[in-house]
């Protein structure tokens, strides 16, 4: 009888040891293989991580100083920048403005010529402009080739969805600023303009509206933060900007 009890205890111990060995083996395999499996899934694009902020998108954004004030522009090629028309509209094609790339490594400061100002039949009334004005609120600046700064890439505004996160970069009141928010709507008061809630102020006009997901430009900030906008901001869609540039035969 005693021998039987001893054998039973030995069997229980053996089963317990085997269970512990299996657990340790499984933990060892998971510890070794899990990082490799995660890496493989990321490599194959089966899972994606949260996009990280790329500080280089700040470098191509310049402060524009004209005889009438300050705005923002951004490089889309080594020689071409986009801005809002109302940033330079008191000037004419061929006039010079000053650019300060404050976030570039060398703090680049250059002169730019106004290459193109999109025409508009809508003029300010009592200091206010109708919403139609912003549908063509774009101008083009030209500089000698800049090789030390990577231009921003133009995206596809038609692919943007409500609540997509965006980044605004500019020079409100002449001071550098970067803020983030969301696309609230692809229409503003019935017009084909993005409505967004990212913070901006006078001087942000002409700056890029950047899709955080891929760091491409999906709009140009053209208005907002005034009583008439109820605290919301307005961006001209980049697909419409491309059509304006194509019609003006300007390469981008």
Protein backbone atom coordinates (compact mmCIF):
# COMPACT_ATOMS: atom_id res chain seq x y z
CA UNK A 1 0.00 0.00 0.00
CA UNK A 2 2.78 2.38 0.94
CA UNK A 3 4.53 1.51 -2.31
CA UNK A 4 1.37 2.41 -4.22
CA UNK A 5 1.16 5.79 -2.52
CA UNK A 6 4.81 6.48 -3.34
CA UNK A 7 4.22 5.62 -6.99
CA UNK A 8 1.15 7.88 -7.10
CA UNK A 9 3.15 10.76 -5.63
CA UNK A 10 5.93 10.18 -8.14
CA UNK A 11 3.42 10.24 -11.01
CA UNK A 12 1.89 13.47 -9.73
CA UNK A 13 5.35 15.03 -9.48
CA UNK A 14 6.22 13.84 -12.97
CA UNK A 15 3.04 15.34 -14.44
CA UNK A 16 3.65 18.60 -12.57
CA UNK A 17 7.22 18.79 -13.84
CA UNK A 18 6.09 18.09 -17.41
CA UNK A 19 3.49 20.89 -17.18
CA UNK A 20 6.13 23.29 -15.92
CA UNK A 21 8.47 22.28 -18.74
CA UNK A 22 5.70 22.90 -21.31
CA UNK A 23 4.93 26.33 -19.85
CA UNK A 24 8.60 27.32 -19.81
CA UNK A 25 9.02 26.04 -23.38
CA UNK A 26 6.01 28.01 -24.62
CA UNK A 27 7.19 31.19 -22.88
CA UNK A 28 10.65 30.75 -24.37
CA UNK A 29 9.27 30.27 -27.89
CA UNK A 30 6.94 33.29 -27.57
CA UNK A 31 9.77 35.47 -26.20
CA UNK A 32 12.06 34.52 -29.08
CA UNK A 33 9.54 34.46 -31.95
CA UNK A 34 7.10 37.27 -31.07
CA UNK A 35 9.43 40.20 -31.88
CA UNK A 36 10.32 38.56 -35.19
CA UNK A 37 6.65 37.95 -35.98
CA UNK A 38 5.75 41.59 -35.24
CA UNK A 39 8.65 42.80 -37.39
CA UNK A 40 7.48 40.53 -40.23
CA UNK A 41 3.90 41.82 -40.03
CA UNK A 42 5.10 45.44 -40.14
CA UNK A 43 7.42 44.66 -43.07
CA UNK A 44 4.59 43.08 -45.04
CA UNK A 45 2.32 46.02 -44.27
CA UNK A 46 -0.24 43.78 -42.55
CA UNK A 47 -0.18 46.07 -39.52
CA UNK A 48 0.86 49.70 -39.30
CA UNK A 49 2.10 51.83 -36.46
CA UNK A 50 1.05 55.31 -35.48
CA UNK A 51 2.76 57.78 -37.83
CA UNK A 52 5.53 59.73 -36.16
CA UNK A 53 6.02 63.46 -36.60
CA UNK A 54 8.65 64.31 -39.20
CA UNK A 55 10.31 67.57 -38.16
CA UNK A 56 11.66 68.07 -41.69
CA UNK A 57 8.24 69.21 -42.90
CA UNK A 58 8.86 72.48 -41.04
CA UNK A 59 11.95 73.44 -43.07
CA UNK A 60 10.24 74.27 -46.41
CA UNK A 61 7.77 76.68 -44.76
CA UNK A 62 8.85 80.32 -44.98
CA UNK A 63 7.76 83.60 -43.47
CA UNK A 64 6.79 86.02 -46.26
CA UNK A 65 7.47 89.68 -45.58
CA UNK A 66 5.93 92.24 -47.94
CA UNK A 67 5.53 95.99 -47.73
CA UNK A 68 2.03 95.34 -46.34
CA UNK A 69 2.62 92.67 -43.74
CA UNK A 70 3.53 89.08 -43.03
CA UNK A 71 2.24 85.76 -44.33
CA UNK A 72 3.41 82.24 -45.05
CA UNK A 73 4.61 80.33 -48.12
CA UNK A 74 6.05 76.86 -48.71
CA UNK A 75 8.38 75.20 -51.19
CA UNK A 76 6.87 72.65 -53.60
CA UNK A 77 10.00 72.46 -55.80
CA UNK A 78 13.55 73.83 -55.50
CA UNK A 79 12.43 77.09 -57.16
CA UNK A 80 8.65 77.38 -56.59
CA UNK A 81 6.62 78.28 -53.51
CA UNK A 82 2.87 78.49 -52.99
CA UNK A 83 1.11 81.06 -50.84
CA UNK A 84 -2.31 82.71 -50.61
CA UNK A 85 -3.15 85.47 -53.06
CA UNK A 86 -4.21 87.87 -50.33
CA UNK A 87 -0.70 87.65 -48.81
CA UNK A 88 0.75 89.43 -51.88
CA UNK A 89 -2.21 90.92 -53.72
CA UNK A 90 -1.21 94.53 -53.04
CA UNK A 91 1.90 93.75 -55.07
CA UNK A 92 2.18 92.79 -58.73
CA UNK A 93 3.83 90.02 -60.72
CA UNK A 94 7.58 90.65 -60.79
CA UNK A 95 7.70 92.38 -57.42
CA UNK A 96 10.05 90.99 -54.80
CA UNK A 97 9.20 89.75 -51.32
CA UNK A 98 11.49 88.50 -48.58
CA UNK A 99 11.47 84.92 -47.33
CA UNK A 100 12.74 83.64 -44.00
CA UNK A 101 13.07 79.86 -43.62
CA UNK A 102 13.38 80.07 -39.86
CA UNK A 103 13.17 76.31 -39.31
CA UNK A 104 15.85 75.43 -41.86
CA UNK A 105 19.26 74.38 -40.58
CA UNK A 106 20.95 77.50 -41.96
CA UNK A 107 18.06 79.89 -41.17
CA UNK A 108 17.93 80.68 -44.88
CA UNK A 109 16.88 84.21 -45.90
CA UNK A 110 16.28 84.88 -49.62
CA UNK A 111 14.42 87.15 -52.01
CA UNK A 112 11.57 85.79 -54.09
CA UNK A 113 9.79 87.18 -57.13
CA UNK A 114 6.04 87.00 -57.48
CA UNK A 115 5.56 84.71 -60.46
CA UNK A 116 1.78 84.43 -60.55
CA UNK A 117 -1.27 85.87 -58.79
CA UNK A 118 -4.53 84.07 -59.46
CA UNK A 119 -7.10 86.58 -60.75
CA UNK A 120 -10.35 87.16 -58.88
CA UNK A 121 -13.48 89.10 -59.75
CA UNK A 122 -14.42 89.29 -56.07
CA UNK A 123 -13.17 92.30 -54.17
CA UNK A 124 -13.37 93.25 -50.48
CA UNK A 125 -16.53 95.02 -49.36
CA UNK A 126 -16.19 97.07 -46.17
CA UNK A 127 -13.00 95.16 -45.40
CA UNK A 128 -14.66 91.77 -45.89
CA UNK A 129 -14.44 89.44 -48.89
CA UNK A 130 -17.15 87.00 -50.06
CA UNK A 131 -16.42 83.29 -49.68
CA UNK A 132 -16.12 82.93 -53.47
CA UNK A 133 -12.87 84.88 -53.19
CA UNK A 134 -11.13 82.03 -51.37
CA UNK A 135 -11.84 79.48 -54.12
CA UNK A 136 -8.93 80.92 -56.13
CA UNK A 137 -6.87 82.37 -53.27
CA UNK A 138 -3.44 81.26 -54.48
CA UNK A 139 -0.20 82.90 -55.65
CA UNK A 140 3.16 81.56 -56.79
CA UNK A 141 6.60 82.78 -55.75
CA UNK A 142 9.88 81.98 -57.52
CA UNK A 143 13.39 81.83 -56.06
CA UNK A 144 16.86 80.86 -57.18
CA UNK A 145 17.26 77.10 -56.77
CA UNK A 146 17.29 75.97 -53.14
CA UNK A 147 19.06 72.64 -52.73
CA UNK A 148 19.43 72.44 -48.95
CA UNK A 149 15.71 72.13 -48.20
CA UNK A 150 13.48 69.26 -49.28
CA UNK A 151 10.21 70.64 -50.76
CA UNK A 152 6.85 69.51 -49.46
CA UNK A 153 4.93 66.95 -51.51
CA UNK A 154 1.47 67.77 -52.83
CA UNK A 155 -1.17 65.20 -51.91
CA UNK A 156 -4.70 64.44 -53.07
CA UNK A 157 -7.42 66.41 -51.31
CA UNK A 158 -10.15 64.23 -52.84
CA UNK A 159 -8.85 61.32 -50.74
CA UNK A 160 -9.21 63.23 -47.44
CA UNK A 161 -11.98 62.24 -45.02
CA UNK A 162 -13.73 64.08 -42.23
CA UNK A 163 -11.83 63.80 -38.91
CA UNK A 164 -8.52 63.16 -40.67
CA UNK A 165 -5.78 64.81 -38.60
CA UNK A 166 -3.92 67.74 -40.16
CA UNK A 167 -0.98 69.97 -39.27
CA UNK A 168 -0.80 73.72 -39.90
CA UNK A 169 2.58 75.44 -40.12
CA UNK A 170 2.98 79.17 -40.45
CA UNK A 171 3.94 82.53 -39.01
CA UNK A 172 0.95 84.06 -37.23
CA UNK A 173 1.78 87.64 -36.30
CA UNK A 174 5.29 86.96 -37.61
CA UNK A 175 6.09 84.23 -35.06
CA UNK A 176 6.64 80.61 -36.04
CA UNK A 177 3.81 78.27 -35.09
CA UNK A 178 2.79 74.65 -35.65
CA UNK A 179 -0.56 73.26 -34.61
CA UNK A 180 -2.72 70.24 -35.29
CA UNK A 181 -6.42 69.58 -35.59
CA UNK A 182 -8.94 67.76 -37.72
CA UNK A 183 -10.86 68.19 -40.94
CA UNK A 184 -14.39 69.05 -39.82
CA UNK A 185 -15.97 69.07 -43.26
CA UNK A 186 -15.09 69.07 -46.96
CA UNK A 187 -17.43 72.03 -47.42
CA UNK A 188 -17.52 75.48 -45.82
CA UNK A 189 -20.82 77.36 -46.05
CA UNK A 190 -21.58 75.29 -49.15
CA UNK A 191 -18.27 76.11 -50.85
CA UNK A 192 -15.67 73.54 -51.92
CA UNK A 193 -13.25 74.40 -49.13
CA UNK A 194 -11.95 72.40 -46.18
CA UNK A 195 -13.24 73.42 -42.78
CA UNK A 196 -10.82 72.57 -39.98
CA UNK A 197 -10.31 73.24 -36.30
CA UNK A 198 -6.50 73.51 -36.11
CA UNK A 199 -5.51 76.80 -34.49
CA UNK A 200 -4.39 79.64 -36.75
CA UNK A 201 -4.11 83.43 -36.68
CA UNK A 202 -3.38 86.25 -39.13
CA UNK A 203 -0.01 85.46 -40.71
CA UNK A 204 -0.82 81.75 -41.06
CA UNK A 205 -2.43 82.56 -44.40
CA UNK A 206 -0.65 80.89 -47.32
CA UNK A 207 0.75 78.12 -45.13
CA UNK A 208 0.36 74.42 -45.87
CA UNK A 209 -2.39 72.24 -44.46
CA UNK A 210 -0.55 68.92 -44.11
CA UNK A 211 -2.19 65.52 -43.77
CA UNK A 212 -0.54 64.00 -40.70
CA UNK A 213 -0.94 60.46 -42.01
CA UNK A 214 1.54 60.90 -44.88
CA UNK A 215 2.94 64.47 -44.55
CA UNK A 216 1.54 65.59 -47.92
CA UNK A 217 -0.04 69.01 -48.51
CA UNK A 218 -3.80 68.73 -48.97
CA UNK A 219 -4.63 72.43 -48.79
CA UNK A 220 -3.49 76.04 -48.40
CA UNK A 221 -4.77 77.93 -45.38
CA UNK A 222 -6.69 80.92 -46.71
CA UNK A 223 -8.85 82.19 -43.85
CA UNK A 224 -10.25 81.79 -40.40
CA UNK A 225 -10.11 82.71 -36.73
CA UNK A 226 -12.32 85.74 -37.30
CA UNK A 227 -15.90 86.30 -36.09
CA UNK A 228 -17.26 85.48 -39.55
CA UNK A 229 -15.63 82.03 -39.37
CA UNK A 230 -16.94 81.22 -35.88
CA UNK A 231 -13.48 80.06 -34.77
CA UNK A 232 -13.10 77.63 -37.65
CA UNK A 233 -10.45 77.83 -40.34
CA UNK A 234 -10.64 77.44 -44.08
CA UNK A 235 -8.22 75.79 -46.51
CA UNK A 236 -8.28 75.85 -50.29
CA UNK A 237 -8.11 72.23 -51.49
CA UNK A 238 -4.86 71.25 -53.16
CA UNK A 239 -6.66 69.54 -56.07
CA UNK A 240 -8.22 72.92 -56.91
CA UNK A 241 -4.80 74.58 -56.56
CA UNK A 242 -3.37 72.08 -59.05
CA UNK A 243 -6.12 72.94 -61.56
CA UNK A 244 -5.36 76.66 -61.18
CA UNK A 245 -1.64 76.02 -61.75
CA UNK A 246 -2.35 73.78 -64.75
CA UNK A 247 -4.54 76.46 -66.34
CA UNK A 248 -1.77 79.01 -65.75
CA UNK A 249 0.75 76.55 -67.26
CA UNK A 250 2.89 76.58 -64.11
CA UNK A 251 4.88 73.42 -63.40
CA UNK A 252 4.84 72.05 -59.87
